[in-house]
Protein backbone atom coordinates (compact mmCIF):
# COMPACT_ATOMS: atom_id res chain seq x y z
CA MET A 1 -0.22 0.12 0.06
CA LYS A 2 2.65 2.03 1.22
CA VAL A 3 4.58 1.45 -2.33
CA LYS A 4 1.60 2.38 -4.13
CA LEU A 5 0.49 5.82 -2.50
CA ILE A 6 4.34 6.77 -3.11
CA ALA A 7 3.89 5.70 -7.03
CA LYS A 8 0.68 8.16 -6.89
CA ALA A 9 2.25 11.00 -5.06
CA LEU A 10 5.62 11.00 -8.04
CA VAL A 11 2.91 10.54 -10.89
CA ALA A 12 0.84 14.11 -9.58
CA GLY A 13 4.31 15.64 -8.88
CA VAL A 14 5.50 14.67 -12.39
CA ALA A 15 2.08 16.10 -13.58
CA GLY A 16 2.30 19.24 -12.08
CA LEU A 17 5.19 20.32 -14.22
CA PHE A 18 4.44 20.14 -17.36
CA PHE A 19 5.26 23.46 -19.35
CA ILE A 20 6.10 25.03 -15.60
CA ALA A 21 9.75 25.31 -16.02
CA ALA A 22 9.19 28.30 -18.45
CA GLY A 23 8.58 30.33 -15.49
CA GLY A 24 10.19 29.00 -13.12
CA ALA A 25 10.03 26.98 -9.71
CA ARG A 26 7.48 28.32 -7.65
CA ALA A 27 7.03 28.73 -3.90
CA ASP A 28 3.72 26.85 -2.48
CA THR A 29 1.30 30.12 -2.26
CA VAL A 30 2.34 33.60 -4.15
CA ASP A 31 -0.02 36.95 -4.84
CA ALA A 32 -0.74 36.81 -8.34
CA ARG A 33 -3.07 38.84 -10.52
CA CYS A 34 -5.72 36.55 -12.28
CA ASP A 35 -7.49 37.52 -16.05
CA ILE A 36 -10.33 35.73 -16.57
CA TYR A 37 -11.13 35.41 -19.73
CA PRO A 38 -14.96 33.46 -20.58
CA LYS A 39 -14.51 30.37 -23.00
CA GLY A 40 -14.32 31.12 -27.06
CA SER A 41 -13.73 34.72 -26.22
CA ASP A 42 -10.71 36.68 -26.97
CA LYS A 43 -11.55 39.13 -24.47
CA ALA A 44 -11.01 39.84 -20.39
CA SER A 45 -13.76 39.74 -18.52
CA ALA A 46 -11.75 40.90 -15.73
CA MET A 47 -8.18 41.25 -13.81
CA LEU A 48 -8.24 40.02 -10.40
CA ALA A 49 -6.31 39.78 -7.24
CA CYS A 50 -6.15 36.04 -6.68
CA THR A 51 -2.77 33.60 -4.41
CA PHE A 52 -1.54 30.49 -6.49
CA SER A 53 -0.49 27.47 -4.68
CA GLN A 54 0.90 24.10 -6.09
CA ARG A 55 1.76 20.88 -4.06
CA GLN A 56 2.93 17.75 -5.76
CA GLY A 57 1.24 18.95 -9.01
CA TYR A 58 -2.23 19.95 -6.87
CA VAL A 59 -3.08 23.51 -7.92
CA ALA A 60 -5.57 25.94 -6.30
CA ILE A 61 -5.85 29.61 -7.18
CA ASP A 62 -8.22 31.80 -5.29
CA ARG A 63 -9.62 35.19 -6.25
CA SER A 64 -10.82 38.02 -4.91
CA ASP A 65 -13.84 37.75 -6.33
CA GLY A 66 -14.49 34.85 -4.22
CA VAL A 67 -14.06 31.60 -6.74
CA ARG A 68 -11.91 28.94 -5.94
CA HIS A 69 -10.54 26.25 -8.97
CA GLU A 70 -9.22 23.05 -6.93
CA LEU A 71 -7.30 21.42 -10.09
CA SER A 72 -6.24 17.38 -9.29
CA PRO A 73 -3.54 16.49 -11.90
CA LYS A 74 -4.81 13.93 -13.91
CA GLY A 75 -3.19 11.50 -16.66
CA GLY A 76 0.24 14.06 -16.59
CA ALA A 77 1.19 16.40 -19.92
CA GLY A 78 -1.04 19.23 -17.85
CA SER A 79 -4.37 17.89 -17.59
CA TYR A 80 -6.40 18.08 -14.38
CA ILE A 81 -9.67 17.50 -12.78
CA ASP A 82 -11.52 20.59 -11.38
CA GLN A 83 -13.43 20.70 -8.07
CA ASP A 84 -16.39 20.04 -10.53
CA GLY A 85 -15.04 17.06 -11.59
CA LYS A 86 -14.22 18.69 -14.96
CA PRO A 87 -11.15 18.09 -17.54
CA ALA A 88 -9.03 21.44 -17.12
CA TYR A 89 -5.84 21.75 -18.53
CA ARG A 90 -2.62 23.91 -18.20
CA THR A 91 -1.31 25.40 -21.60
CA ARG A 92 1.86 27.56 -21.99
CA GLY A 93 1.57 31.25 -23.74
CA LEU A 94 3.27 33.29 -21.33
CA GLY A 95 6.87 32.32 -20.71
CA LYS A 96 8.21 33.36 -17.69
CA SER A 97 5.42 35.80 -16.53
CA GLY A 98 2.82 33.01 -15.55
CA GLN A 99 0.19 30.51 -16.33
CA ILE A 100 -2.76 29.29 -18.06
CA TYR A 101 -5.51 27.26 -16.81
CA ARG A 102 -8.12 25.86 -19.33
CA LEU A 103 -11.24 25.69 -17.39
CA ALA A 104 -14.50 24.17 -18.86
CA ARG A 105 -16.06 27.63 -19.07
CA GLU A 106 -13.44 29.87 -18.91
CA SER A 107 -9.72 30.73 -18.71
CA VAL A 108 -8.18 31.98 -16.18
CA PHE A 109 -5.08 33.83 -16.85
CA VAL A 110 -1.55 33.75 -13.73
CA TYR A 111 0.63 36.55 -13.37
CA TRP A 112 3.29 36.68 -11.08
CA ASP A 113 3.69 40.38 -11.67
CA THR A 114 0.58 42.25 -9.37
CA ALA A 115 1.61 45.15 -11.48
CA GLY A 116 -1.93 46.66 -13.45
CA LEU A 117 -4.18 45.78 -10.98
CA PRO A 118 -7.69 48.16 -9.90
CA GLY A 119 -6.05 50.54 -7.39
CA LYS A 120 -9.24 49.19 -4.51
CA ALA A 121 -8.52 45.75 -3.41
CA GLY A 122 -10.38 42.82 -4.05
CA ALA A 123 -12.15 45.19 -7.44
CA ALA A 124 -12.54 43.21 -10.54
CA ALA A 125 -12.46 45.62 -13.66
CA PRO A 126 -12.46 44.51 -17.01
CA VAL A 127 -9.46 45.12 -19.19
CA PRO A 128 -8.80 44.81 -22.71
CA ALA A 129 -8.23 41.73 -24.99
CA THR A 130 -4.22 41.62 -24.84
CA PRO A 131 -3.28 39.22 -24.26
CA THR A 132 -5.25 36.83 -26.82
CA VAL A 133 -7.01 33.58 -25.90
CA LEU A 134 -3.55 31.79 -26.82
CA PRO A 135 -0.42 34.28 -26.74
CA LYS A 136 2.08 34.39 -29.11
CA THR A 137 5.36 32.06 -28.19
CA ALA A 138 8.03 34.14 -26.65
CA VAL A 139 10.94 34.27 -29.33
CA PRO A 140 14.37 35.24 -27.83
CA SER A 141 15.26 38.30 -28.11
CA GLY A 142 19.14 37.46 -29.32
CA PRO A 143 21.32 35.35 -30.32
CA PHE A 144 20.21 31.51 -28.79
CA ASP A 145 23.31 29.53 -26.98
CA THR A 146 23.22 27.24 -24.47
CA THR A 147 24.58 23.86 -23.91
CA LEU A 148 22.26 20.82 -21.97
CA GLY A 149 23.43 17.17 -21.48
CA LEU A 150 22.27 14.31 -19.60
CA ARG A 151 23.48 10.70 -18.54
CA GLY A 152 27.40 11.97 -19.29
CA ILE A 153 26.51 13.46 -23.04
CA LYS A 154 26.07 16.76 -23.83
CA PHE A 155 24.92 19.43 -26.61
CA ARG A 156 25.76 22.77 -27.57
CA VAL A 157 22.85 24.41 -29.39
CA VAL A 158 24.04 27.89 -31.26
CA SER A 159 21.91 30.14 -33.24
CA LYS A 160 21.74 33.60 -34.26
CA ASN A 161 18.11 33.86 -34.42
CA ASP A 162 18.66 37.41 -35.90
CA SER A 163 16.01 36.73 -39.32
CA SER A 164 13.54 34.56 -41.06
CA GLN A 165 16.03 31.83 -41.61
CA ASN A 166 19.34 30.97 -39.76
CA MET A 167 22.10 27.98 -39.07
CA LEU A 168 21.99 26.25 -36.19
CA GLU A 169 24.71 24.51 -35.04
CA ILE A 170 24.78 22.02 -32.40
CA THR A 171 28.22 20.42 -30.86
CA PRO A 172 27.71 17.20 -29.29
CA SER A 173 30.90 15.92 -26.17
CA GLY A 174 31.03 12.56 -24.90
CA LEU A 175 30.00 10.43 -27.67
CA SER A 176 32.10 7.20 -28.19
CA ILE A 177 32.71 7.86 -32.14
CA ASP A 178 32.00 11.23 -33.73
CA ASN A 179 31.63 14.37 -32.11
CA SER A 180 31.95 16.59 -34.45
CA PRO A 181 29.14 19.58 -35.08
CA ILE A 182 26.23 19.45 -36.77
CA ARG A 183 24.87 22.48 -39.01
CA ASN A 184 21.11 22.65 -40.84
CA ARG A 185 19.72 25.54 -42.25
CA ILE A 186 16.14 26.59 -40.36
CA ASP A 187 13.01 28.59 -41.50
CA GLY A 188 12.31 30.30 -38.09
CA THR A 189 14.49 30.82 -35.03
CA VAL A 190 14.92 28.84 -32.22
CA THR A 191 12.46 28.66 -29.14
CA GLY A 192 14.17 26.23 -26.79
CA VAL A 193 16.21 23.70 -26.37
CA GLU A 194 15.68 20.18 -24.16
CA VAL A 195 17.60 16.74 -23.61
CA ALA A 196 15.48 13.57 -22.74
CA ASP A 197 15.69 10.04 -22.73
CA LEU A 198 12.10 9.27 -24.37
CA ASN A 199 13.30 5.16 -24.64
CA ALA A 200 15.08 5.00 -21.50
CA ASP A 201 17.44 3.00 -23.73
CA GLY A 202 20.93 5.14 -22.17
CA SER A 203 21.31 7.33 -25.16
CA PRO A 204 19.96 10.86 -24.76
CA GLU A 205 18.51 12.75 -27.49
CA LEU A 206 18.60 16.14 -28.13
CA TYR A 207 15.15 18.30 -28.99
CA VAL A 208 15.29 21.56 -30.93
CA TYR A 209 12.35 23.51 -31.21
CA ILE A 210 11.81 26.24 -33.57
CA THR A 211 9.57 29.11 -34.45
CA SER A 212 9.04 30.62 -38.20
CA ALA A 213 8.50 33.89 -38.69
CA GLY A 214 5.09 36.01 -39.42
CA SER A 215 2.30 35.91 -37.66
CA GLY A 216 1.35 32.31 -38.32
CA SER A 217 4.22 30.82 -35.97
CA TYR A 218 4.67 27.47 -37.24
CA GLY A 219 6.21 25.37 -34.73
CA SER A 220 8.93 22.35 -36.20
CA VAL A 221 11.43 20.47 -33.98
CA LEU A 222 14.73 19.23 -34.97
CA ALA A 223 15.76 15.88 -32.61
CA PHE A 224 18.50 14.21 -32.71
CA GLY A 225 19.10 10.45 -31.12
CA ALA A 226 22.75 9.65 -29.60
CA ASN A 227 22.88 5.75 -31.37
CA ASN A 228 24.45 3.83 -28.06
CA ARG A 229 26.53 7.19 -27.31
CA LYS A 230 28.94 6.27 -30.18
CA SER A 231 27.11 9.77 -33.09
CA LEU A 232 24.19 11.35 -33.58
CA SER A 233 21.69 10.63 -36.15
CA GLU A 234 18.27 12.47 -36.56
CA ILE A 235 14.73 11.36 -35.39
CA TYR A 236 11.90 11.89 -38.06
CA LEU A 237 8.80 13.55 -36.67
CA PRO A 238 6.20 13.10 -39.59
CA PRO A 239 4.04 15.80 -40.48
CA LEU A 240 0.67 16.28 -39.07
CA ALA A 241 -2.51 13.28 -40.37
CA PRO A 242 -5.30 15.05 -42.27
CA ALA A 243 -7.04 14.60 -39.06
CA ALA A 244 -4.82 16.19 -36.60
CA ALA A 245 -4.37 19.21 -39.20
CA ALA A 246 -7.76 20.02 -39.44
CA GLY A 247 -8.55 23.74 -37.94
CA TYR A 248 -4.56 24.32 -37.51
CA MET A 249 -2.94 27.33 -38.43
CA GLY A 250 0.26 27.17 -36.54
CA HIS A 251 1.03 28.52 -33.18
CA ASP A 252 2.80 25.23 -31.70
CA GLN A 253 3.88 24.53 -28.17
CA PHE A 254 6.32 21.53 -27.61
CA ALA A 255 7.72 20.12 -24.14
CA VAL A 256 9.26 16.78 -22.98
CA VAL A 257 6.75 15.28 -20.13
CA GLU A 258 8.01 12.24 -19.02
CA SER A 259 8.68 9.67 -21.90
CA THR A 260 6.39 11.46 -24.25
CA LEU A 261 6.70 14.53 -26.43
CA VAL A 262 3.69 16.91 -26.02
CA ARG A 263 2.90 19.29 -28.61
CA ARG A 264 -0.08 21.73 -28.53
CA PHE A 265 -1.81 24.19 -30.50
CA PRO A 266 -5.04 26.07 -30.90
CA VAL A 267 -7.79 24.60 -33.86
CA TYR A 268 -9.62 27.40 -35.64
CA ARG A 269 -13.12 27.17 -36.93
CA PRO A 270 -13.70 28.75 -40.51
CA GLY A 271 -13.67 32.59 -40.36
CA ASP A 272 -11.21 32.96 -37.48
CA SER A 273 -8.78 35.41 -37.07
CA ASN A 274 -5.39 34.38 -36.77
CA ALA A 275 -5.57 35.79 -33.20
CA THR A 276 -8.39 34.58 -32.25
CA PRO A 277 -8.83 31.07 -32.24
CA THR A 278 -12.17 29.55 -30.68
CA ASP A 279 -12.22 25.90 -31.43
CA GLY A 280 -10.42 24.88 -28.43
CA VAL A 281 -7.13 23.13 -28.27
CA ARG A 282 -4.99 20.27 -29.82
CA GLN A 283 -2.64 17.81 -28.08
CA LEU A 284 -0.70 15.23 -29.53
CA GLN A 285 1.45 12.87 -27.48
CA TYR A 286 4.76 11.55 -29.16
CA LYS A 287 6.36 8.40 -28.36
CA LEU A 288 9.97 7.68 -29.90
CA ALA A 289 9.61 4.46 -31.92
CA LYS A 290 12.29 2.30 -34.37
CA GLY A 291 11.15 2.95 -37.99
CA GLU A 292 12.39 1.30 -40.70
CA ALA A 293 15.24 3.71 -41.27
CA GLY A 294 15.71 5.13 -38.04
CA TRP A 295 14.37 6.70 -34.86
CA VAL A 296 10.59 8.56 -35.48
CA LEU A 297 8.88 9.91 -33.69
CA LYS A 298 4.81 8.24 -33.55
CA VAL A 299 1.25 9.97 -32.33
CA ASP A 300 0.85 7.88 -29.03
CA ARG A 301 -2.28 10.07 -28.32
CA VAL A 302 -4.42 12.84 -29.73
CA LEU A 303 -6.78 14.81 -27.22
CA GLU A 304 -8.98 17.37 -27.64
CA TYR A 305 -10.70 20.24 -25.03
């Protein structure tokens, strides 16, 4: 029984970590600002003082208008069940500024900076439609240069990020045979990078997240695996299948969650503008598998909310 309880606690803790890396670790309870967006609207109905707390993946948001959201992790990858038993989800889009929670009837944008709250404590006030329901992914303002490592193998990832097309350079170290740099011309800028071992074979993979220029902010992933810790080979990410691509207009978000690569993007109805998607969010979860000519990321699960 104790083993089962410990396992449940570990799963809850991992579920609560989805996409929180962009915002950094938070204290158990912090003062925050909550902007409330009715479902399907790109205009916030209120800006409120609130408190945010998180423990072992369980989230509580107490708003100054008396509303309390209690979210329990369910199934990982930023998925929750609220106090009424309805599904809720956390999505990325505010960078280090905060977190977004998609609830059954509304979205709550939680900002760590309380600046801009109404002068009277606890008062609700209308605010303009900024940001939209799904803000653009934050793009680095300058060159991208970072080094990450796992299991004794390191990867240095460099991109100037100074134009709509850039030269990406990846330099590995710690491989037993070939540590030669890999250079690729990419369409867009590097917006993030993660190192993981999705298939738990002891040889890490590198995932480079790329965002194209323009209002669509189309996302892509350039991934490499360390073949038995000897050399790098590219991992193939297939294009979206027709069913998954229905209503797709970019604004992708990527993150490694446990043994899965997760991709999220807003879904558009006909007539929606690029800034105002109204058909929810689609989430694809990929597993790393062996293909005929190498490693491939295969869709394991598709969720919509």
